[in-house]
Amino acid sequence: MAEENNPPKQDDIDNARTAFFNTLGNAHPLVIAPLTNPVFQEGPNWPTRPSWKWIDLEQSEGGVIWATNGLADPWSTPEMFGETPDDFNMDTGLGVEVLLGSKDLDEAVLREAIISVSYGLAGNPFLLTMLKALNNQNEEMLGAFNFKNTG
């Protein structure tokens, strides 16, 4: 986690993300991005400008992976949130990039799906924090019961 006085540099974030994408296949250097930021058309606000990359899987495997490229970037407009949950880190955006791949599905289907999912996450920036809290609560509740095999 980055310290408050020393946030991660965008180049370091981009290089780390690209290095990870390249472990999966051949990450194209170009991105797909809207001409205008969706926030200007009442769309969701991303940590930075929305974009997506495609990763060609190895020739023997075939297929493609589409990935978000910016959901884990530092927020460029943190003041829009006001109060944030204690474990919400402004330096890591949503703290996740989303990947969707297939050997069988059409590339256009994958692209549209990843765009829809990423806009949904960007439009609900605390969703991942709430899901994490819910998961922790469920684990605590399940731990309170003693499940035994009675068979």
N, C-alpha and C. Protein backbone atom coordinates (compact mmCIF):
# COMPACT_ATOMS: atom_id res chain seq x y z
N MET A 1 0.84 -1.18 0.00
CA MET A 1 0.00 0.00 0.00
C MET A 1 0.88 1.24 0.00
N ALA A 2 0.56 2.21 -0.82
CA ALA A 2 1.36 3.43 -0.93
C ALA A 2 1.12 4.33 0.28
N GLU A 3 2.18 5.02 0.69
CA GLU A 3 2.03 5.96 1.78
C GLU A 3 1.36 7.21 1.26
N GLU A 4 0.72 7.95 2.18
CA GLU A 4 -0.01 9.15 1.80
C GLU A 4 0.87 10.17 1.09
N ASN A 5 2.10 10.34 1.57
CA ASN A 5 2.99 11.34 1.01
C ASN A 5 3.72 10.85 -0.24
N ASN A 6 3.62 9.58 -0.54
CA ASN A 6 4.38 9.02 -1.64
C ASN A 6 3.49 8.10 -2.49
N PRO A 7 2.50 8.68 -3.21
CA PRO A 7 1.61 7.83 -4.00
C PRO A 7 2.36 7.17 -5.16
N PRO A 8 1.85 6.04 -5.65
CA PRO A 8 2.53 5.36 -6.76
C PRO A 8 2.52 6.25 -8.00
N LYS A 9 3.56 6.10 -8.82
CA LYS A 9 3.64 6.87 -10.06
C LYS A 9 2.86 6.13 -11.15
N GLN A 10 2.19 6.89 -12.00
CA GLN A 10 1.36 6.29 -13.04
C GLN A 10 2.17 5.38 -13.96
N ASP A 11 3.39 5.77 -14.30
CA ASP A 11 4.24 4.93 -15.15
C ASP A 11 4.52 3.57 -14.50
N ASP A 12 4.76 3.58 -13.18
CA ASP A 12 5.01 2.33 -12.46
C ASP A 12 3.77 1.44 -12.48
N ILE A 13 2.62 2.05 -12.31
CA ILE A 13 1.36 1.29 -12.33
C ILE A 13 1.14 0.70 -13.71
N ASP A 14 1.32 1.51 -14.75
CA ASP A 14 1.13 1.03 -16.13
C ASP A 14 2.10 -0.10 -16.46
N ASN A 15 3.37 0.04 -16.06
CA ASN A 15 4.37 -0.98 -16.34
C ASN A 15 4.06 -2.29 -15.63
N ALA A 16 3.61 -2.20 -14.37
CA ALA A 16 3.26 -3.41 -13.62
C ALA A 16 2.06 -4.11 -14.24
N ARG A 17 1.07 -3.33 -14.63
CA ARG A 17 -0.14 -3.91 -15.24
C ARG A 17 0.21 -4.58 -16.57
N THR A 18 1.00 -3.91 -17.40
CA THR A 18 1.40 -4.48 -18.69
C THR A 18 2.24 -5.74 -18.50
N ALA A 19 3.14 -5.73 -17.53
CA ALA A 19 3.96 -6.92 -17.25
C ALA A 19 3.07 -8.09 -16.86
N PHE A 20 2.05 -7.83 -16.04
CA PHE A 20 1.13 -8.91 -15.67
C PHE A 20 0.37 -9.40 -16.90
N PHE A 21 -0.16 -8.47 -17.69
CA PHE A 21 -0.92 -8.86 -18.89
C PHE A 21 -0.05 -9.72 -19.81
N ASN A 22 1.23 -9.38 -19.92
CA ASN A 22 2.13 -10.15 -20.78
C ASN A 22 2.42 -11.55 -20.26
N THR A 23 2.17 -11.81 -18.98
CA THR A 23 2.31 -13.18 -18.47
C THR A 23 1.17 -14.06 -18.97
N LEU A 24 0.08 -13.43 -19.38
CA LEU A 24 -1.08 -14.18 -19.85
C LEU A 24 -1.04 -14.46 -21.35
N GLY A 25 -0.35 -13.61 -22.08
CA GLY A 25 -0.28 -13.73 -23.53
C GLY A 25 0.39 -12.49 -24.09
N ASN A 26 0.05 -12.14 -25.32
CA ASN A 26 0.64 -10.98 -25.97
C ASN A 26 -0.29 -9.77 -25.80
N ALA A 27 0.05 -8.91 -24.83
CA ALA A 27 -0.75 -7.71 -24.58
C ALA A 27 -0.44 -6.66 -25.64
N HIS A 28 -1.45 -6.23 -26.35
CA HIS A 28 -1.25 -5.21 -27.37
C HIS A 28 -0.90 -3.88 -26.72
N PRO A 29 0.00 -3.11 -27.33
CA PRO A 29 0.40 -1.84 -26.73
C PRO A 29 -0.69 -0.77 -26.80
N LEU A 30 -1.64 -0.93 -27.71
CA LEU A 30 -2.72 0.05 -27.85
C LEU A 30 -3.87 -0.28 -26.92
N VAL A 31 -4.69 0.71 -26.64
CA VAL A 31 -5.89 0.51 -25.83
C VAL A 31 -7.11 0.97 -26.63
N ILE A 32 -8.25 0.47 -26.23
CA ILE A 32 -9.53 0.95 -26.74
C ILE A 32 -10.06 1.92 -25.68
N ALA A 33 -10.44 3.11 -26.08
CA ALA A 33 -10.94 4.10 -25.12
C ALA A 33 -12.00 4.96 -25.80
N PRO A 34 -12.99 5.43 -25.04
CA PRO A 34 -13.98 6.33 -25.62
C PRO A 34 -13.33 7.66 -26.01
N LEU A 35 -13.89 8.31 -27.02
CA LEU A 35 -13.35 9.61 -27.45
C LEU A 35 -13.49 10.67 -26.37
N THR A 36 -14.59 10.61 -25.63
CA THR A 36 -14.77 11.55 -24.52
C THR A 36 -14.98 10.74 -23.24
N ASN A 37 -14.60 11.33 -22.14
CA ASN A 37 -14.79 10.68 -20.85
C ASN A 37 -16.29 10.51 -20.61
N PRO A 38 -16.75 9.30 -20.25
CA PRO A 38 -18.18 9.06 -20.04
C PRO A 38 -18.81 9.95 -18.97
N VAL A 39 -18.00 10.47 -18.05
CA VAL A 39 -18.55 11.31 -16.99
C VAL A 39 -19.17 12.59 -17.58
N PHE A 40 -18.70 13.01 -18.76
CA PHE A 40 -19.27 14.20 -19.40
C PHE A 40 -20.63 13.93 -20.02
N GLN A 41 -21.00 12.65 -20.12
CA GLN A 41 -22.30 12.27 -20.67
C GLN A 41 -23.11 11.52 -19.61
N GLU A 42 -22.93 11.90 -18.35
CA GLU A 42 -23.60 11.31 -17.21
C GLU A 42 -23.28 9.83 -17.03
N GLY A 43 -22.10 9.42 -17.49
CA GLY A 43 -21.64 8.05 -17.29
C GLY A 43 -20.86 7.95 -15.99
N PRO A 44 -20.36 6.76 -15.67
CA PRO A 44 -19.64 6.59 -14.41
C PRO A 44 -18.25 7.22 -14.46
N ASN A 45 -17.79 7.65 -13.30
CA ASN A 45 -16.47 8.23 -13.15
C ASN A 45 -15.47 7.12 -12.86
N TRP A 46 -14.44 7.01 -13.70
CA TRP A 46 -13.35 6.06 -13.48
C TRP A 46 -12.26 6.76 -12.70
N PRO A 47 -11.36 5.97 -12.06
CA PRO A 47 -10.22 6.61 -11.38
C PRO A 47 -9.44 7.51 -12.35
N THR A 48 -9.21 7.05 -13.56
CA THR A 48 -8.64 7.86 -14.63
C THR A 48 -9.51 7.61 -15.85
N ARG A 49 -9.04 7.94 -17.00
CA ARG A 49 -9.85 7.74 -18.21
C ARG A 49 -10.06 6.25 -18.49
N PRO A 50 -11.29 5.84 -18.82
CA PRO A 50 -11.54 4.43 -19.08
C PRO A 50 -10.82 3.93 -20.33
N SER A 51 -10.31 2.72 -20.23
CA SER A 51 -9.71 2.08 -21.40
C SER A 51 -9.65 0.57 -21.16
N TRP A 52 -9.48 -0.15 -22.26
CA TRP A 52 -9.43 -1.62 -22.22
C TRP A 52 -8.32 -2.08 -23.14
N LYS A 53 -7.70 -3.19 -22.76
CA LYS A 53 -6.64 -3.81 -23.58
C LYS A 53 -7.09 -5.20 -23.96
N TRP A 54 -6.56 -5.67 -25.07
CA TRP A 54 -6.79 -7.05 -25.43
C TRP A 54 -5.46 -7.77 -25.42
N ILE A 55 -5.55 -9.03 -25.03
CA ILE A 55 -4.38 -9.88 -24.88
C ILE A 55 -4.62 -11.12 -25.73
N ASP A 56 -3.78 -11.31 -26.74
CA ASP A 56 -3.88 -12.52 -27.56
C ASP A 56 -3.26 -13.67 -26.79
N LEU A 57 -3.99 -14.77 -26.68
CA LEU A 57 -3.45 -15.96 -26.04
C LEU A 57 -2.49 -16.63 -27.00
N GLU A 58 -1.66 -17.49 -26.47
CA GLU A 58 -0.66 -18.17 -27.30
C GLU A 58 -1.33 -18.85 -28.47
N GLN A 59 -0.61 -18.96 -29.59
CA GLN A 59 -1.15 -19.55 -30.82
C GLN A 59 -1.71 -20.95 -30.59
N SER A 60 -1.04 -21.77 -29.79
CA SER A 60 -1.53 -23.13 -29.56
C SER A 60 -2.86 -23.14 -28.80
N GLU A 61 -3.04 -22.14 -27.93
CA GLU A 61 -4.27 -22.03 -27.15
C GLU A 61 -5.37 -21.34 -27.94
N GLY A 62 -5.00 -20.26 -28.60
CA GLY A 62 -5.99 -19.46 -29.31
C GLY A 62 -6.82 -18.65 -28.33
N GLY A 63 -7.61 -17.76 -28.86
CA GLY A 63 -8.50 -16.96 -28.03
C GLY A 63 -7.92 -15.61 -27.68
N VAL A 64 -8.71 -14.87 -26.93
CA VAL A 64 -8.33 -13.52 -26.55
C VAL A 64 -8.87 -13.23 -25.15
N ILE A 65 -8.16 -12.36 -24.45
CA ILE A 65 -8.61 -11.85 -23.16
C ILE A 65 -8.79 -10.34 -23.32
N TRP A 66 -9.91 -9.83 -22.85
CA TRP A 66 -10.11 -8.39 -22.75
C TRP A 66 -9.95 -8.01 -21.29
N ALA A 67 -9.28 -6.90 -21.03
CA ALA A 67 -9.00 -6.47 -19.66
C ALA A 67 -9.24 -4.98 -19.50
N THR A 68 -9.75 -4.60 -18.34
CA THR A 68 -9.84 -3.18 -18.03
C THR A 68 -8.43 -2.65 -17.88
N ASN A 69 -8.28 -1.37 -18.13
CA ASN A 69 -6.96 -0.76 -18.07
C ASN A 69 -7.11 0.61 -17.39
N GLY A 70 -7.28 0.59 -16.07
CA GLY A 70 -7.41 1.86 -15.37
C GLY A 70 -8.27 1.83 -14.13
N LEU A 71 -8.98 0.74 -13.86
CA LEU A 71 -9.79 0.70 -12.64
C LEU A 71 -8.93 0.72 -11.38
N ALA A 72 -7.69 0.26 -11.48
CA ALA A 72 -6.80 0.24 -10.32
C ALA A 72 -5.84 1.44 -10.30
N ASP A 73 -6.06 2.41 -11.17
CA ASP A 73 -5.24 3.63 -11.15
C ASP A 73 -5.66 4.52 -9.98
N PRO A 74 -4.76 5.39 -9.51
CA PRO A 74 -5.16 6.34 -8.45
C PRO A 74 -6.28 7.25 -8.93
N TRP A 75 -7.17 7.61 -8.03
CA TRP A 75 -8.27 8.51 -8.39
C TRP A 75 -7.72 9.88 -8.74
N SER A 76 -8.14 10.42 -9.87
CA SER A 76 -7.69 11.75 -10.26
C SER A 76 -8.56 12.84 -9.64
N THR A 77 -9.75 12.45 -9.15
CA THR A 77 -10.67 13.41 -8.54
C THR A 77 -11.19 12.88 -7.21
N PRO A 78 -10.32 12.73 -6.20
CA PRO A 78 -10.76 12.14 -4.93
C PRO A 78 -11.78 12.99 -4.19
N GLU A 79 -11.82 14.28 -4.46
CA GLU A 79 -12.75 15.16 -3.74
C GLU A 79 -14.21 14.84 -4.05
N MET A 80 -14.48 14.10 -5.12
CA MET A 80 -15.87 13.79 -5.48
C MET A 80 -16.54 12.86 -4.48
N PHE A 81 -15.75 12.16 -3.64
CA PHE A 81 -16.32 11.16 -2.76
C PHE A 81 -16.76 11.70 -1.41
N GLY A 82 -16.14 12.77 -0.95
CA GLY A 82 -16.43 13.20 0.41
C GLY A 82 -15.87 12.18 1.37
N GLU A 83 -16.72 11.63 2.24
CA GLU A 83 -16.28 10.61 3.18
C GLU A 83 -16.19 9.26 2.50
N THR A 84 -15.12 8.55 2.77
CA THR A 84 -14.92 7.22 2.18
C THR A 84 -14.74 6.19 3.30
N PRO A 85 -15.05 4.94 3.02
CA PRO A 85 -14.81 3.89 4.03
C PRO A 85 -13.35 3.86 4.45
N ASP A 86 -13.08 3.41 5.67
CA ASP A 86 -11.72 3.39 6.20
C ASP A 86 -10.75 2.60 5.34
N ASP A 87 -11.23 1.48 4.75
CA ASP A 87 -10.30 0.63 3.99
C ASP A 87 -10.33 0.93 2.49
N PHE A 88 -10.86 2.10 2.11
CA PHE A 88 -10.90 2.49 0.70
C PHE A 88 -9.65 3.32 0.41
N ASN A 89 -8.76 2.80 -0.43
CA ASN A 89 -7.48 3.45 -0.71
C ASN A 89 -7.59 4.25 -2.00
N MET A 90 -7.47 5.55 -1.91
CA MET A 90 -7.59 6.42 -3.09
C MET A 90 -6.44 6.21 -4.07
N ASP A 91 -5.30 5.67 -3.59
CA ASP A 91 -4.13 5.46 -4.46
C ASP A 91 -4.26 4.24 -5.36
N THR A 92 -5.24 3.38 -5.09
CA THR A 92 -5.38 2.17 -5.90
C THR A 92 -6.73 2.12 -6.62
N GLY A 93 -7.36 3.26 -6.81
CA GLY A 93 -8.63 3.28 -7.52
C GLY A 93 -9.59 2.29 -6.91
N LEU A 94 -10.18 1.45 -7.74
CA LEU A 94 -11.07 0.41 -7.23
C LEU A 94 -10.29 -0.78 -6.68
N GLY A 95 -8.99 -0.81 -6.92
CA GLY A 95 -8.16 -1.89 -6.40
C GLY A 95 -8.26 -3.18 -7.18
N VAL A 96 -8.78 -3.10 -8.41
CA VAL A 96 -8.98 -4.31 -9.22
C VAL A 96 -8.98 -3.95 -10.70
N GLU A 97 -8.48 -4.85 -11.49
CA GLU A 97 -8.70 -4.81 -12.94
C GLU A 97 -9.50 -6.07 -13.26
N VAL A 98 -10.37 -5.99 -14.23
CA VAL A 98 -11.25 -7.11 -14.58
C VAL A 98 -10.78 -7.71 -15.90
N LEU A 99 -10.67 -9.03 -15.94
CA LEU A 99 -10.27 -9.73 -17.16
C LEU A 99 -11.35 -10.72 -17.55
N LEU A 100 -11.58 -10.84 -18.84
CA LEU A 100 -12.56 -11.79 -19.36
C LEU A 100 -12.01 -12.36 -20.64
N GLY A 101 -11.88 -13.67 -20.71
CA GLY A 101 -11.30 -14.29 -21.89
C GLY A 101 -11.99 -15.57 -22.27
N SER A 102 -11.78 -15.96 -23.52
CA SER A 102 -12.35 -17.21 -24.01
C SER A 102 -11.67 -17.62 -25.30
N LYS A 103 -11.65 -18.93 -25.52
CA LYS A 103 -11.20 -19.47 -26.80
C LYS A 103 -12.37 -19.57 -27.76
N ASP A 104 -13.57 -19.65 -27.21
CA ASP A 104 -14.74 -19.95 -28.02
C ASP A 104 -15.65 -18.76 -28.33
N LEU A 105 -15.77 -17.83 -27.39
CA LEU A 105 -16.67 -16.70 -27.61
C LEU A 105 -16.08 -15.70 -28.59
N ASP A 106 -16.95 -15.05 -29.32
CA ASP A 106 -16.53 -14.03 -30.27
C ASP A 106 -15.89 -12.86 -29.52
N GLU A 107 -14.84 -12.31 -30.10
CA GLU A 107 -14.11 -11.21 -29.47
C GLU A 107 -15.03 -10.02 -29.18
N ALA A 108 -15.97 -9.72 -30.07
CA ALA A 108 -16.88 -8.58 -29.86
C ALA A 108 -17.77 -8.81 -28.64
N VAL A 109 -18.18 -10.04 -28.41
CA VAL A 109 -19.00 -10.37 -27.25
C VAL A 109 -18.21 -10.14 -25.97
N LEU A 110 -16.96 -10.60 -25.95
CA LEU A 110 -16.10 -10.39 -24.79
C LEU A 110 -15.87 -8.91 -24.53
N ARG A 111 -15.61 -8.16 -25.59
CA ARG A 111 -15.36 -6.72 -25.45
C ARG A 111 -16.57 -6.01 -24.85
N GLU A 112 -17.75 -6.28 -25.36
CA GLU A 112 -18.96 -5.63 -24.84
C GLU A 112 -19.23 -6.04 -23.40
N ALA A 113 -18.96 -7.30 -23.07
CA ALA A 113 -19.17 -7.77 -21.69
C ALA A 113 -18.22 -7.07 -20.73
N ILE A 114 -16.95 -6.96 -21.08
CA ILE A 114 -15.98 -6.33 -20.18
C ILE A 114 -16.28 -4.84 -20.02
N ILE A 115 -16.75 -4.21 -21.08
CA ILE A 115 -17.12 -2.79 -20.98
C ILE A 115 -18.31 -2.63 -20.03
N SER A 116 -19.32 -3.48 -20.16
CA SER A 116 -20.49 -3.40 -19.28
C SER A 116 -20.13 -3.63 -17.82
N VAL A 117 -19.34 -4.67 -17.56
CA VAL A 117 -18.94 -4.97 -16.19
C VAL A 117 -18.11 -3.84 -15.60
N SER A 118 -17.17 -3.32 -16.38
CA SER A 118 -16.30 -2.27 -15.85
C SER A 118 -17.05 -0.97 -15.59
N TYR A 119 -18.01 -0.62 -16.45
CA TYR A 119 -18.83 0.57 -16.18
C TYR A 119 -19.68 0.37 -14.94
N GLY A 120 -20.17 -0.87 -14.73
CA GLY A 120 -20.93 -1.15 -13.52
C GLY A 120 -20.10 -0.97 -12.27
N LEU A 121 -18.87 -1.46 -12.30
CA LEU A 121 -17.98 -1.29 -11.15
C LEU A 121 -17.60 0.17 -10.94
N ALA A 122 -17.28 0.87 -12.02
CA ALA A 122 -16.89 2.28 -11.91
C ALA A 122 -18.05 3.12 -11.38
N GLY A 123 -19.27 2.76 -11.74
CA GLY A 123 -20.44 3.50 -11.28
C GLY A 123 -20.79 3.22 -9.83
N ASN A 124 -20.20 2.18 -9.25
CA ASN A 124 -20.43 1.80 -7.85
C ASN A 124 -19.08 1.56 -7.17
N PRO A 125 -18.29 2.61 -6.97
CA PRO A 125 -16.91 2.44 -6.52
C PRO A 125 -16.75 1.77 -5.16
N PHE A 126 -17.79 1.78 -4.33
CA PHE A 126 -17.68 1.15 -3.02
C PHE A 126 -18.22 -0.28 -3.03
N LEU A 127 -18.66 -0.76 -4.19
CA LEU A 127 -19.22 -2.10 -4.30
C LEU A 127 -18.24 -3.17 -3.84
N LEU A 128 -16.99 -3.07 -4.28
CA LEU A 128 -16.00 -4.07 -3.88
C LEU A 128 -15.74 -4.03 -2.38
N THR A 129 -15.75 -2.84 -1.78
CA THR A 129 -15.58 -2.71 -0.34
C THR A 129 -16.75 -3.35 0.38
N MET A 130 -17.97 -3.12 -0.13
CA MET A 130 -19.15 -3.73 0.50
C MET A 130 -19.14 -5.24 0.36
N LEU A 131 -18.74 -5.76 -0.82
CA LEU A 131 -18.67 -7.21 -1.01
C LEU A 131 -17.64 -7.84 -0.08
N LYS A 132 -16.52 -7.16 0.10
CA LYS A 132 -15.49 -7.66 1.00
C LYS A 132 -16.03 -7.71 2.43
N ALA A 133 -16.72 -6.66 2.85
CA ALA A 133 -17.30 -6.62 4.20
C ALA A 133 -18.35 -7.72 4.37
N LEU A 134 -19.17 -7.92 3.34
CA LEU A 134 -20.20 -8.95 3.40
C LEU A 134 -19.56 -10.33 3.49
N ASN A 135 -18.51 -10.55 2.72
CA ASN A 135 -17.81 -11.83 2.77
C ASN A 135 -17.22 -12.08 4.16
N ASN A 136 -16.61 -11.04 4.75
CA ASN A 136 -16.06 -11.19 6.10
C ASN A 136 -17.15 -11.49 7.11
N GLN A 137 -18.31 -10.83 6.97
CA GLN A 137 -19.43 -11.05 7.87
C GLN A 137 -19.94 -12.49 7.73
N ASN A 138 -20.05 -12.97 6.50
CA ASN A 138 -20.52 -14.35 6.28
C ASN A 138 -19.55 -15.35 6.87
N GLU A 139 -18.25 -15.11 6.73
CA GLU A 139 -17.26 -16.02 7.31
C GLU A 139 -17.38 -16.05 8.83
N GLU A 140 -17.62 -14.89 9.44
CA GLU A 140 -17.79 -14.84 10.89
C GLU A 140 -19.04 -15.59 11.32
N MET A 141 -20.14 -15.42 10.56
CA MET A 141 -21.38 -16.10 10.88
C MET A 141 -21.21 -17.62 10.74
N LEU A 142 -20.57 -18.06 9.67
CA LEU A 142 -20.37 -19.49 9.46
C LEU A 142 -19.45 -20.07 10.53
N GLY A 143 -18.49 -19.30 10.96
CA GLY A 143 -17.57 -19.76 11.99
C GLY A 143 -18.25 -19.94 13.34
N ALA A 144 -19.38 -19.27 13.54
CA ALA A 144 -20.11 -19.37 14.80
C ALA A 144 -20.88 -20.69 14.92
N PHE A 145 -21.09 -21.36 13.79
CA PHE A 145 -21.81 -22.63 13.79
C PHE A 145 -20.83 -23.79 13.72
N ASN A 146 -21.17 -24.85 14.35
CA ASN A 146 -20.32 -26.03 14.32
C ASN A 146 -21.00 -27.06 13.42
N PHE A 147 -20.53 -27.17 12.18
CA PHE A 147 -21.12 -28.10 11.25
C PHE A 147 -20.45 -29.45 11.41
N LYS A 148 -21.25 -30.48 11.64
CA LYS A 148 -20.72 -31.83 11.79
C LYS A 148 -21.41 -32.74 10.80
N ASN A 149 -20.68 -33.71 10.33
CA ASN A 149 -21.25 -34.70 9.44
C ASN A 149 -21.99 -35.72 10.30
N THR A 150 -23.32 -35.71 10.17
CA THR A 150 -24.12 -36.62 11.00
C THR A 150 -24.45 -37.92 10.26
N GLY A 151 -23.90 -38.07 9.05
CA GLY A 151 -24.23 -39.26 8.25
C GLY A 151 -23.38 -40.38 8.48
